[in-house]
Amino acid sequence: MDSAVEMEYAAFKERVKRTVYIDNMSPQVTEAVIKTALDQFGNATNIQFIPNYTEPCNTARSALVELESEAQAKSVIETLTNYPFMMSGMPRPVRVRAAEAEMFDDRPVKPGRRIQLYWVDPNDPDYEVAQKLKHLAKKHSAEASWMLKHQLEEEENLSKQQAETLKATYQKYDMVDTILGDGTSNRLARHYKIRITDD
């Protein structure tokens, strides 16, 4: 019995080593998008999106991506940490790090570990510690929510700026194309005695 549990946990630890955690992905990112994006590093064998129940549905997504080998996982982490990597039009690059056992909702019980839960009585010495942890968790949640709201505002502004730049660039190319197409460039060249070549 114990050996079976240990073998199951050992196999799980190997799975963790070849899995990467990717976050800051666009809500439009799908399994197919991730597989295509990571094809240059290796083969993604399993993709598990991590649901965020505490924030709005339009927030950045995160996922655990299992690759065929630990070497492929290390290659993904090294490359995507050192170079910006955009996925599915997100204005900010995705973030990647090694997966941890606690990130998996289907993780097996660690051999020899027992967890006991009980209600803490107000007279219990641990009651004050539990209260502090509760307040700290609330504070952390409020700070994370504010940071996320601020990040979404920044991303929206960046997206608008990128759209305006793209529109302005398109208008410039359109104007140049029009000038070349209707002969205005040739008339200006003759007027200013400039020779125009196709080079």
N, C-alpha and C. Protein backbone atom coordinates (compact mmCIF):
# COMPACT_ATOMS: atom_id res chain seq x y z
N MET A 1 0.83 -1.21 0.00
CA MET A 1 0.00 0.00 0.00
C MET A 1 0.86 1.25 0.00
N ASP A 2 1.83 1.31 0.97
CA ASP A 2 2.71 2.48 1.07
C ASP A 2 3.55 2.64 -0.18
N SER A 3 4.03 1.52 -0.73
CA SER A 3 4.88 1.61 -1.93
C SER A 3 4.08 2.13 -3.12
N ALA A 4 2.81 1.75 -3.22
CA ALA A 4 1.96 2.24 -4.32
C ALA A 4 1.75 3.74 -4.21
N VAL A 5 1.54 4.21 -2.98
CA VAL A 5 1.34 5.65 -2.74
C VAL A 5 2.63 6.40 -3.06
N GLU A 6 3.76 5.85 -2.65
CA GLU A 6 5.05 6.48 -2.92
C GLU A 6 5.35 6.52 -4.42
N MET A 7 5.01 5.45 -5.13
CA MET A 7 5.23 5.41 -6.57
C MET A 7 4.34 6.44 -7.27
N GLU A 8 3.09 6.56 -6.82
CA GLU A 8 2.17 7.53 -7.40
C GLU A 8 2.69 8.95 -7.18
N TYR A 9 3.20 9.21 -5.98
CA TYR A 9 3.72 10.56 -5.68
C TYR A 9 5.00 10.83 -6.45
N ALA A 10 5.84 9.82 -6.63
CA ALA A 10 7.08 9.98 -7.41
C ALA A 10 6.76 10.31 -8.86
N ALA A 11 5.74 9.62 -9.42
CA ALA A 11 5.32 9.90 -10.81
C ALA A 11 4.77 11.32 -10.91
N PHE A 12 4.04 11.75 -9.88
CA PHE A 12 3.50 13.11 -9.87
C PHE A 12 4.63 14.14 -9.84
N LYS A 13 5.67 13.89 -9.03
CA LYS A 13 6.80 14.81 -8.95
C LYS A 13 7.51 14.94 -10.30
N GLU A 14 7.61 13.82 -11.03
CA GLU A 14 8.20 13.87 -12.39
C GLU A 14 7.33 14.71 -13.32
N ARG A 15 6.02 14.59 -13.17
CA ARG A 15 5.08 15.39 -13.98
C ARG A 15 5.24 16.88 -13.68
N VAL A 16 5.43 17.21 -12.40
CA VAL A 16 5.62 18.61 -12.00
C VAL A 16 6.89 19.17 -12.66
N LYS A 17 7.95 18.37 -12.72
CA LYS A 17 9.22 18.83 -13.29
C LYS A 17 9.11 19.19 -14.77
N ARG A 18 8.22 18.50 -15.49
CA ARG A 18 8.09 18.79 -16.93
C ARG A 18 6.89 19.70 -17.23
N THR A 19 6.37 20.37 -16.20
CA THR A 19 5.23 21.27 -16.36
C THR A 19 5.65 22.70 -16.08
N VAL A 20 5.13 23.64 -16.88
CA VAL A 20 5.39 25.06 -16.66
C VAL A 20 4.08 25.78 -16.36
N TYR A 21 4.20 26.84 -15.57
CA TYR A 21 3.04 27.67 -15.24
C TYR A 21 3.13 28.94 -16.08
N ILE A 22 2.09 29.19 -16.89
CA ILE A 22 2.07 30.38 -17.76
C ILE A 22 0.91 31.25 -17.32
N ASP A 23 1.18 32.54 -17.10
CA ASP A 23 0.07 33.44 -16.79
C ASP A 23 0.19 34.74 -17.58
N ASN A 24 -0.74 35.65 -17.35
CA ASN A 24 -0.85 36.92 -18.08
C ASN A 24 -1.22 36.68 -19.55
N MET A 25 -2.00 35.60 -19.78
CA MET A 25 -2.46 35.31 -21.14
C MET A 25 -3.81 35.98 -21.38
N SER A 26 -4.05 36.30 -22.63
CA SER A 26 -5.33 36.90 -23.02
C SER A 26 -6.47 35.92 -22.73
N PRO A 27 -7.66 36.44 -22.37
CA PRO A 27 -8.81 35.55 -22.15
C PRO A 27 -9.20 34.77 -23.40
N GLN A 28 -8.75 35.22 -24.59
CA GLN A 28 -9.08 34.52 -25.84
C GLN A 28 -8.16 33.34 -26.14
N VAL A 29 -7.12 33.17 -25.33
CA VAL A 29 -6.16 32.07 -25.59
C VAL A 29 -6.83 30.72 -25.33
N THR A 30 -6.64 29.80 -26.27
CA THR A 30 -7.20 28.45 -26.16
C THR A 30 -6.06 27.43 -26.11
N GLU A 31 -6.42 26.16 -25.92
CA GLU A 31 -5.41 25.09 -25.91
C GLU A 31 -4.65 25.06 -27.23
N ALA A 32 -5.38 25.22 -28.34
CA ALA A 32 -4.75 25.18 -29.67
C ALA A 32 -3.73 26.31 -29.82
N VAL A 33 -4.05 27.50 -29.30
CA VAL A 33 -3.13 28.64 -29.39
C VAL A 33 -1.86 28.35 -28.61
N ILE A 34 -2.00 27.80 -27.40
CA ILE A 34 -0.83 27.50 -26.57
C ILE A 34 0.04 26.43 -27.25
N LYS A 35 -0.61 25.37 -27.76
CA LYS A 35 0.16 24.30 -28.43
C LYS A 35 0.94 24.85 -29.62
N THR A 36 0.29 25.70 -30.41
CA THR A 36 0.95 26.27 -31.58
C THR A 36 2.10 27.18 -31.16
N ALA A 37 1.88 27.98 -30.12
CA ALA A 37 2.91 28.93 -29.67
C ALA A 37 4.13 28.20 -29.10
N LEU A 38 3.91 27.07 -28.44
CA LEU A 38 5.02 26.35 -27.80
C LEU A 38 5.62 25.26 -28.68
N ASP A 39 5.11 25.10 -29.90
CA ASP A 39 5.63 24.08 -30.82
C ASP A 39 7.13 24.24 -31.09
N GLN A 40 7.61 25.48 -31.06
CA GLN A 40 9.03 25.71 -31.34
C GLN A 40 9.94 25.22 -30.22
N PHE A 41 9.36 24.99 -29.03
CA PHE A 41 10.16 24.52 -27.89
C PHE A 41 9.99 23.03 -27.63
N GLY A 42 8.83 22.50 -27.98
CA GLY A 42 8.55 21.09 -27.71
C GLY A 42 7.07 20.81 -27.86
N ASN A 43 6.68 19.62 -27.49
CA ASN A 43 5.30 19.20 -27.65
C ASN A 43 4.55 19.31 -26.32
N ALA A 44 3.49 20.12 -26.29
CA ALA A 44 2.66 20.25 -25.09
C ALA A 44 1.70 19.07 -25.06
N THR A 45 1.84 18.21 -24.04
CA THR A 45 1.01 17.00 -23.97
C THR A 45 -0.27 17.21 -23.19
N ASN A 46 -0.28 18.17 -22.27
CA ASN A 46 -1.48 18.40 -21.46
C ASN A 46 -1.53 19.87 -21.06
N ILE A 47 -2.71 20.48 -21.21
CA ILE A 47 -2.90 21.89 -20.84
C ILE A 47 -4.10 21.98 -19.92
N GLN A 48 -3.88 22.58 -18.77
CA GLN A 48 -4.96 22.72 -17.78
C GLN A 48 -5.07 24.19 -17.39
N PHE A 49 -6.18 24.83 -17.80
CA PHE A 49 -6.40 26.22 -17.42
C PHE A 49 -6.79 26.29 -15.95
N ILE A 50 -6.28 27.30 -15.27
CA ILE A 50 -6.58 27.48 -13.85
C ILE A 50 -7.67 28.54 -13.73
N PRO A 51 -8.86 28.14 -13.29
CA PRO A 51 -9.95 29.13 -13.19
C PRO A 51 -9.70 30.14 -12.08
N ASN A 52 -10.12 31.38 -12.32
CA ASN A 52 -10.01 32.42 -11.31
C ASN A 52 -11.43 32.79 -10.88
N TYR A 53 -11.83 32.31 -9.72
CA TYR A 53 -13.20 32.52 -9.26
C TYR A 53 -13.39 33.85 -8.55
N THR A 54 -12.30 34.55 -8.27
CA THR A 54 -12.41 35.77 -7.47
C THR A 54 -12.41 37.05 -8.29
N GLU A 55 -12.04 36.96 -9.57
CA GLU A 55 -11.93 38.17 -10.39
C GLU A 55 -12.85 38.08 -11.61
N PRO A 56 -13.08 39.23 -12.29
CA PRO A 56 -13.95 39.22 -13.48
C PRO A 56 -13.43 38.26 -14.56
N CYS A 57 -14.34 37.84 -15.46
CA CYS A 57 -13.97 36.84 -16.46
C CYS A 57 -13.06 37.38 -17.55
N ASN A 58 -12.91 38.71 -17.67
CA ASN A 58 -12.06 39.27 -18.73
C ASN A 58 -10.62 39.46 -18.28
N THR A 59 -10.25 38.89 -17.14
CA THR A 59 -8.88 39.03 -16.65
C THR A 59 -7.96 38.06 -17.39
N ALA A 60 -6.67 38.29 -17.22
CA ALA A 60 -5.68 37.42 -17.86
C ALA A 60 -5.82 35.99 -17.35
N ARG A 61 -5.59 35.04 -18.25
CA ARG A 61 -5.71 33.63 -17.88
C ARG A 61 -4.36 33.05 -17.50
N SER A 62 -4.40 31.94 -16.79
CA SER A 62 -3.18 31.21 -16.47
C SER A 62 -3.44 29.73 -16.71
N ALA A 63 -2.35 28.99 -16.93
CA ALA A 63 -2.49 27.57 -17.24
C ALA A 63 -1.25 26.80 -16.84
N LEU A 64 -1.45 25.53 -16.57
CA LEU A 64 -0.34 24.59 -16.36
C LEU A 64 -0.18 23.83 -17.67
N VAL A 65 1.03 23.88 -18.23
CA VAL A 65 1.28 23.23 -19.51
C VAL A 65 2.35 22.16 -19.31
N GLU A 66 1.94 20.91 -19.54
CA GLU A 66 2.87 19.79 -19.40
C GLU A 66 3.52 19.51 -20.74
N LEU A 67 4.85 19.39 -20.74
CA LEU A 67 5.60 19.10 -21.96
C LEU A 67 6.10 17.65 -21.90
N GLU A 68 6.71 17.21 -23.00
CA GLU A 68 7.14 15.81 -23.07
C GLU A 68 8.31 15.50 -22.14
N SER A 69 9.16 16.51 -21.88
CA SER A 69 10.32 16.24 -21.04
C SER A 69 10.66 17.45 -20.18
N GLU A 70 11.46 17.20 -19.17
CA GLU A 70 11.93 18.27 -18.28
C GLU A 70 12.81 19.25 -19.05
N ALA A 71 13.59 18.75 -20.00
CA ALA A 71 14.47 19.62 -20.81
C ALA A 71 13.64 20.62 -21.62
N GLN A 72 12.53 20.17 -22.19
CA GLN A 72 11.66 21.08 -22.94
C GLN A 72 11.06 22.14 -22.02
N ALA A 73 10.67 21.74 -20.82
CA ALA A 73 10.11 22.69 -19.84
C ALA A 73 11.15 23.75 -19.47
N LYS A 74 12.39 23.31 -19.25
CA LYS A 74 13.47 24.26 -18.91
C LYS A 74 13.73 25.22 -20.07
N SER A 75 13.67 24.71 -21.30
CA SER A 75 13.88 25.54 -22.48
C SER A 75 12.81 26.62 -22.59
N VAL A 76 11.55 26.25 -22.34
CA VAL A 76 10.44 27.21 -22.37
C VAL A 76 10.65 28.29 -21.31
N ILE A 77 10.99 27.88 -20.09
CA ILE A 77 11.17 28.83 -18.99
C ILE A 77 12.32 29.78 -19.30
N GLU A 78 13.45 29.23 -19.76
CA GLU A 78 14.63 30.05 -20.04
C GLU A 78 14.36 31.07 -21.15
N THR A 79 13.74 30.62 -22.23
CA THR A 79 13.50 31.50 -23.37
C THR A 79 12.46 32.56 -23.07
N LEU A 80 11.34 32.15 -22.51
CA LEU A 80 10.25 33.09 -22.27
C LEU A 80 10.52 34.03 -21.10
N THR A 81 11.48 33.68 -20.25
CA THR A 81 11.88 34.58 -19.17
C THR A 81 12.81 35.67 -19.69
N ASN A 82 13.66 35.30 -20.65
CA ASN A 82 14.65 36.25 -21.16
C ASN A 82 14.15 37.12 -22.31
N TYR A 83 13.12 36.65 -23.03
CA TYR A 83 12.63 37.41 -24.18
C TYR A 83 11.12 37.59 -24.08
N PRO A 84 10.61 38.77 -24.48
CA PRO A 84 9.15 38.97 -24.44
C PRO A 84 8.45 38.03 -25.42
N PHE A 85 7.36 37.45 -24.97
CA PHE A 85 6.64 36.48 -25.79
C PHE A 85 5.16 36.82 -25.74
N MET A 86 4.63 37.32 -26.86
CA MET A 86 3.21 37.70 -26.93
C MET A 86 2.39 36.50 -27.38
N MET A 87 1.17 36.43 -26.86
CA MET A 87 0.30 35.33 -27.24
C MET A 87 -1.12 35.86 -27.44
N SER A 88 -1.64 35.70 -28.63
CA SER A 88 -3.02 36.03 -28.97
C SER A 88 -3.36 37.50 -28.73
N GLY A 89 -2.46 38.39 -29.11
CA GLY A 89 -2.76 39.82 -29.10
C GLY A 89 -2.75 40.50 -27.75
N MET A 90 -2.25 39.85 -26.71
CA MET A 90 -2.19 40.50 -25.39
C MET A 90 -1.11 41.57 -25.44
N PRO A 91 -1.41 42.82 -25.00
CA PRO A 91 -0.40 43.88 -25.08
C PRO A 91 0.84 43.59 -24.23
N ARG A 92 0.70 42.78 -23.19
CA ARG A 92 1.85 42.45 -22.34
C ARG A 92 2.32 41.03 -22.63
N PRO A 93 3.62 40.79 -22.51
CA PRO A 93 4.10 39.41 -22.74
C PRO A 93 3.66 38.48 -21.62
N VAL A 94 3.52 37.20 -21.95
CA VAL A 94 3.15 36.21 -20.95
C VAL A 94 4.32 36.00 -19.98
N ARG A 95 3.99 35.51 -18.79
CA ARG A 95 5.01 35.20 -17.79
C ARG A 95 5.06 33.69 -17.61
N VAL A 96 6.26 33.16 -17.43
CA VAL A 96 6.43 31.71 -17.30
C VAL A 96 7.34 31.40 -16.13
N ARG A 97 7.00 30.37 -15.39
CA ARG A 97 7.89 29.87 -14.34
C ARG A 97 7.64 28.38 -14.15
N ALA A 98 8.51 27.74 -13.41
CA ALA A 98 8.35 26.31 -13.17
C ALA A 98 7.10 26.07 -12.32
N ALA A 99 6.40 25.01 -12.62
CA ALA A 99 5.20 24.66 -11.86
C ALA A 99 5.59 24.15 -10.47
N GLU A 100 4.67 24.30 -9.52
CA GLU A 100 4.87 23.78 -8.17
C GLU A 100 3.76 22.80 -7.86
N ALA A 101 4.05 21.86 -6.98
CA ALA A 101 3.09 20.80 -6.67
C ALA A 101 1.75 21.35 -6.19
N GLU A 102 1.78 22.46 -5.44
CA GLU A 102 0.56 23.03 -4.88
C GLU A 102 -0.37 23.61 -5.94
N MET A 103 0.11 23.81 -7.18
CA MET A 103 -0.71 24.38 -8.25
C MET A 103 -1.68 23.36 -8.85
N PHE A 104 -1.46 22.08 -8.61
CA PHE A 104 -2.26 21.02 -9.22
C PHE A 104 -3.44 20.67 -8.32
N ASP A 105 -4.64 20.70 -8.88
CA ASP A 105 -5.81 20.34 -8.06
C ASP A 105 -5.99 18.83 -7.96
N ASP A 106 -5.28 18.07 -8.80
CA ASP A 106 -5.38 16.61 -8.75
C ASP A 106 -4.14 15.97 -8.12
N ARG A 107 -3.39 16.74 -7.33
CA ARG A 107 -2.15 16.20 -6.75
C ARG A 107 -2.48 15.11 -5.71
N PRO A 108 -1.69 14.05 -5.71
CA PRO A 108 -1.91 12.99 -4.71
C PRO A 108 -1.41 13.42 -3.33
N VAL A 109 -1.85 12.72 -2.33
CA VAL A 109 -1.42 13.02 -0.96
C VAL A 109 0.05 12.63 -0.81
N LYS A 110 0.82 13.53 -0.20
CA LYS A 110 2.24 13.26 0.01
C LYS A 110 2.37 12.13 1.04
N PRO A 111 3.18 11.12 0.75
CA PRO A 111 3.32 9.99 1.69
C PRO A 111 3.78 10.48 3.07
N GLY A 112 3.10 9.98 4.10
CA GLY A 112 3.45 10.34 5.47
C GLY A 112 2.87 11.66 5.95
N ARG A 113 2.11 12.33 5.11
CA ARG A 113 1.55 13.63 5.51
C ARG A 113 0.10 13.46 5.95
N ARG A 114 -0.23 14.05 7.09
CA ARG A 114 -1.60 14.02 7.58
C ARG A 114 -2.03 15.44 7.91
N ILE A 115 -3.21 15.81 7.45
CA ILE A 115 -3.74 17.14 7.72
C ILE A 115 -4.96 17.00 8.60
N GLN A 116 -4.97 17.72 9.69
CA GLN A 116 -6.11 17.70 10.60
C GLN A 116 -6.73 19.09 10.65
N LEU A 117 -8.04 19.13 10.53
CA LEU A 117 -8.75 20.40 10.59
C LEU A 117 -9.62 20.42 11.84
N TYR A 118 -9.68 21.58 12.47
CA TYR A 118 -10.56 21.73 13.63
C TYR A 118 -10.89 23.20 13.82
N TRP A 119 -12.04 23.47 14.43
CA TRP A 119 -12.44 24.84 14.74
C TRP A 119 -11.61 25.35 15.90
N VAL A 120 -11.16 26.59 15.78
CA VAL A 120 -10.35 27.19 16.84
C VAL A 120 -11.27 27.96 17.79
N ASP A 121 -11.23 27.57 19.02
CA ASP A 121 -12.04 28.22 20.05
C ASP A 121 -11.41 29.57 20.41
N PRO A 122 -12.22 30.60 20.73
CA PRO A 122 -11.64 31.91 21.11
C PRO A 122 -10.67 31.85 22.28
N ASN A 123 -10.78 30.82 23.12
CA ASN A 123 -9.85 30.68 24.25
C ASN A 123 -8.56 29.96 23.86
N ASP A 124 -8.53 29.41 22.67
CA ASP A 124 -7.36 28.66 22.20
C ASP A 124 -6.20 29.62 21.94
N PRO A 125 -4.97 29.26 22.30
CA PRO A 125 -3.80 30.13 22.05
C PRO A 125 -3.59 30.44 20.56
N ASP A 126 -4.05 29.53 19.66
CA ASP A 126 -3.88 29.75 18.23
C ASP A 126 -4.96 30.65 17.63
N TYR A 127 -5.96 31.03 18.43
CA TYR A 127 -7.07 31.84 17.91
C TYR A 127 -6.58 33.19 17.39
N GLU A 128 -5.70 33.82 18.15
CA GLU A 128 -5.19 35.14 17.73
C GLU A 128 -4.37 35.03 16.45
N VAL A 129 -3.60 33.97 16.32
CA VAL A 129 -2.81 33.74 15.10
C VAL A 129 -3.74 33.53 13.92
N ALA A 130 -4.81 32.74 14.13
CA ALA A 130 -5.78 32.50 13.06
C ALA A 130 -6.46 33.80 12.63
N GLN A 131 -6.78 34.66 13.57
CA GLN A 131 -7.41 35.95 13.26
C GLN A 131 -6.46 36.82 12.44
N LYS A 132 -5.18 36.83 12.82
CA LYS A 132 -4.19 37.62 12.08
C LYS A 132 -4.05 37.10 10.65
N LEU A 133 -4.03 35.77 10.50
CA LEU A 133 -3.94 35.18 9.17
C LEU A 133 -5.17 35.52 8.33
N LYS A 134 -6.34 35.52 8.96
CA LYS A 134 -7.58 35.86 8.27
C LYS A 134 -7.54 37.30 7.77
N HIS A 135 -7.11 38.24 8.64
CA HIS A 135 -7.02 39.65 8.23
C HIS A 135 -5.96 39.85 7.16
N LEU A 136 -4.85 39.12 7.29
CA LEU A 136 -3.78 39.22 6.30
C LEU A 136 -4.26 38.72 4.93
N ALA A 137 -5.05 37.63 4.92
CA ALA A 137 -5.59 37.10 3.66
C ALA A 137 -6.54 38.10 3.02
N LYS A 138 -7.37 38.76 3.83
CA LYS A 138 -8.29 39.78 3.31
C LYS A 138 -7.52 40.95 2.72
N LYS A 139 -6.48 41.38 3.44
CA LYS A 139 -5.65 42.49 2.97
C LYS A 139 -4.97 42.13 1.65
N HIS A 140 -4.43 40.92 1.58
CA HIS A 140 -3.76 40.46 0.36
C HIS A 140 -4.75 40.42 -0.81
N SER A 141 -5.96 39.94 -0.55
CA SER A 141 -6.98 39.86 -1.59
C SER A 141 -7.33 41.25 -2.12
N ALA A 142 -7.48 42.22 -1.20
CA ALA A 142 -7.81 43.60 -1.61
C ALA A 142 -6.66 44.20 -2.43
N GLU A 143 -5.41 43.98 -2.00
CA GLU A 143 -4.25 44.50 -2.73
C GLU A 143 -4.14 43.87 -4.11
N ALA A 144 -4.36 42.55 -4.18
CA ALA A 144 -4.28 41.85 -5.47
C ALA A 144 -5.36 42.35 -6.41
N SER A 145 -6.56 42.59 -5.87
CA SER A 145 -7.67 43.09 -6.69
C SER A 145 -7.36 44.48 -7.23
N TRP A 146 -6.79 45.35 -6.37
CA TRP A 146 -6.43 46.70 -6.82
C TRP A 146 -5.35 46.64 -7.89
N MET A 147 -4.33 45.79 -7.67
CA MET A 147 -3.25 45.65 -8.65
C MET A 147 -3.78 45.16 -9.99
N LEU A 148 -4.71 44.21 -9.94
CA LEU A 148 -5.28 43.67 -11.17
C LEU A 148 -6.06 44.74 -11.91
N LYS A 149 -6.85 45.52 -11.17
CA LYS A 149 -7.62 46.61 -11.78
C LYS A 149 -6.68 47.61 -12.44
N HIS A 150 -5.60 47.97 -11.75
CA HIS A 150 -4.61 48.91 -12.28
C HIS A 150 -3.94 48.34 -13.52
N GLN A 151 -3.60 47.05 -13.49
CA GLN A 151 -2.95 46.40 -14.63
C GLN A 151 -3.88 46.37 -15.84
N LEU A 152 -5.18 46.07 -15.61
CA LEU A 152 -6.14 46.04 -16.71
C LEU A 152 -6.31 47.42 -17.34
N GLU A 153 -6.30 48.47 -16.51
CA GLU A 153 -6.39 49.83 -17.03
C GLU A 153 -5.17 50.16 -17.89
N GLU A 154 -3.98 49.77 -17.40
CA GLU A 154 -2.74 50.00 -18.17
C GLU A 154 -2.78 49.26 -19.50
N GLU A 155 -3.25 48.02 -19.48
CA GLU A 155 -3.31 47.22 -20.70
C GLU A 155 -4.31 47.81 -21.69
N GLU A 156 -5.41 48.33 -21.18
CA GLU A 156 -6.41 48.94 -22.06
C GLU A 156 -5.83 50.20 -22.71
N ASN A 157 -5.12 51.02 -21.92
CA ASN A 157 -4.48 52.22 -22.47
C ASN A 157 -3.42 51.86 -23.51
N LEU A 158 -2.64 50.83 -23.21
CA LEU A 158 -1.59 50.38 -24.13
C LEU A 158 -2.21 49.85 -25.42
N SER A 159 -3.31 49.12 -25.28
CA SER A 159 -4.00 48.59 -26.46
C SER A 159 -4.54 49.72 -27.34
N LYS A 160 -5.13 50.76 -26.72
CA LYS A 160 -5.63 51.91 -27.47
C LYS A 160 -4.49 52.63 -28.19
N GLN A 161 -3.36 52.79 -27.48
CA GLN A 161 -2.19 53.45 -28.07
C GLN A 161 -1.67 52.67 -29.26
N GLN A 162 -1.62 51.34 -29.12
CA GLN A 162 -1.15 50.50 -30.23
C GLN A 162 -2.10 50.59 -31.42
N ALA A 163 -3.41 50.64 -31.14
CA ALA A 163 -4.40 50.74 -32.22
C ALA A 163 -4.28 52.07 -32.95
N GLU A 164 -4.06 53.16 -32.19
CA GLU A 164 -3.90 54.48 -32.80
C GLU A 164 -2.64 54.55 -33.64
N THR A 165 -1.54 53.99 -33.15
CA THR A 165 -0.28 53.96 -33.91
C THR A 165 -0.45 53.16 -35.19
N LEU A 166 -1.13 52.02 -35.09
CA LEU A 166 -1.36 51.19 -36.27
C LEU A 166 -2.21 51.93 -37.30
N LYS A 167 -3.23 52.64 -36.82
CA LYS A 167 -4.11 53.38 -37.72
C LYS A 167 -3.34 54.50 -38.42
N ALA A 168 -2.50 55.23 -37.64
CA ALA A 168 -1.70 56.32 -38.21
C ALA A 168 -0.71 55.79 -39.24
N THR A 169 -0.08 54.66 -38.94
CA THR A 169 0.87 54.05 -39.88
C THR A 169 0.15 53.63 -41.16
N TYR A 170 -1.04 53.05 -41.03
CA TYR A 170 -1.81 52.64 -42.20
C TYR A 170 -2.16 53.85 -43.06
N GLN A 171 -2.55 54.96 -42.41
CA GLN A 171 -2.91 56.18 -43.15
C GLN A 171 -1.71 56.72 -43.92
N LYS A 172 -0.51 56.64 -43.31
CA LYS A 172 0.71 57.10 -43.99
C LYS A 172 0.98 56.26 -45.24
N TYR A 173 0.91 54.92 -45.07
CA TYR A 173 1.14 54.04 -46.22
C TYR A 173 0.09 54.26 -47.30
N ASP A 174 -1.14 54.49 -46.89
CA ASP A 174 -2.24 54.73 -47.84
C ASP A 174 -1.99 56.02 -48.62
N MET A 175 -1.50 57.07 -47.91
CA MET A 175 -1.21 58.35 -48.56
C MET A 175 -0.05 58.19 -49.56
N VAL A 176 1.00 57.48 -49.15
CA VAL A 176 2.14 57.24 -50.04
C VAL A 176 1.69 56.47 -51.27
N ASP A 177 0.86 55.45 -51.07
CA ASP A 177 0.36 54.64 -52.18
C ASP A 177 -0.48 55.48 -53.14
N THR A 178 -1.30 56.37 -52.58
CA THR A 178 -2.14 57.24 -53.40
C THR A 178 -1.29 58.20 -54.23
N ILE A 179 -0.27 58.80 -53.58
CA ILE A 179 0.61 59.76 -54.27
C ILE A 179 1.37 59.07 -55.41
N LEU A 180 1.82 57.86 -55.15
CA LEU A 180 2.55 57.12 -56.20
C LEU A 180 1.61 56.67 -57.31
N GLY A 181 0.37 56.34 -56.93
CA GLY A 181 -0.57 55.79 -57.90
C GLY A 181 -1.18 56.83 -58.83
N ASP A 182 -1.46 58.07 -58.36
CA ASP A 182 -2.14 59.05 -59.21
C ASP A 182 -1.19 59.98 -59.98
N GLY A 183 0.12 59.73 -59.86
CA GLY A 183 1.09 60.51 -60.63
C GLY A 183 1.55 61.78 -59.96
N THR A 184 1.08 62.07 -58.75
CA THR A 184 1.49 63.28 -58.03
C THR A 184 2.99 63.27 -57.78
N SER A 185 3.54 62.11 -57.47
CA SER A 185 4.98 62.03 -57.18
C SER A 185 5.80 62.40 -58.42
N ASN A 186 5.34 61.98 -59.59
CA ASN A 186 6.08 62.30 -60.83
C ASN A 186 6.01 63.80 -61.13
N ARG A 187 4.83 64.42 -60.91
CA ARG A 187 4.71 65.86 -61.15
C ARG A 187 5.61 66.65 -60.20
N LEU A 188 5.63 66.22 -58.91
CA LEU A 188 6.49 66.91 -57.93
C LEU A 188 7.97 66.72 -58.30
N ALA A 189 8.32 65.54 -58.78
CA ALA A 189 9.71 65.27 -59.16
C ALA A 189 10.14 66.15 -60.32
N ARG A 190 9.25 66.31 -61.33
CA ARG A 190 9.58 67.19 -62.46
C ARG A 190 9.70 68.64 -62.00
N HIS A 191 8.78 69.07 -61.10
CA HIS A 191 8.79 70.45 -60.63
C HIS A 191 10.09 70.78 -59.87
N TYR A 192 10.52 69.84 -59.00
CA TYR A 192 11.73 70.08 -58.20
C TYR A 192 12.98 69.49 -58.84
N LYS A 193 12.84 69.00 -60.09
CA LYS A 193 13.96 68.44 -60.85
C LYS A 193 14.68 67.33 -60.07
N ILE A 194 13.85 66.39 -59.59
CA ILE A 194 14.38 65.22 -58.87
C ILE A 194 14.06 63.98 -59.70
N ARG A 195 15.03 63.07 -59.75
CA ARG A 195 14.81 61.86 -60.52
C ARG A 195 14.31 60.76 -59.58
N ILE A 196 13.18 60.15 -59.92
CA ILE A 196 12.58 59.07 -59.09
C ILE A 196 12.87 57.74 -59.76
N THR A 197 13.37 56.82 -58.96
CA THR A 197 13.59 55.45 -59.47
C THR A 197 12.77 54.49 -58.64
N ASP A 198 12.59 53.29 -59.15
CA ASP A 198 11.81 52.27 -58.43
C ASP A 198 12.59 51.65 -57.30
N ASP A 199 13.89 51.95 -57.18
CA ASP A 199 14.72 51.39 -56.11
C ASP A 199 14.26 51.93 -54.79
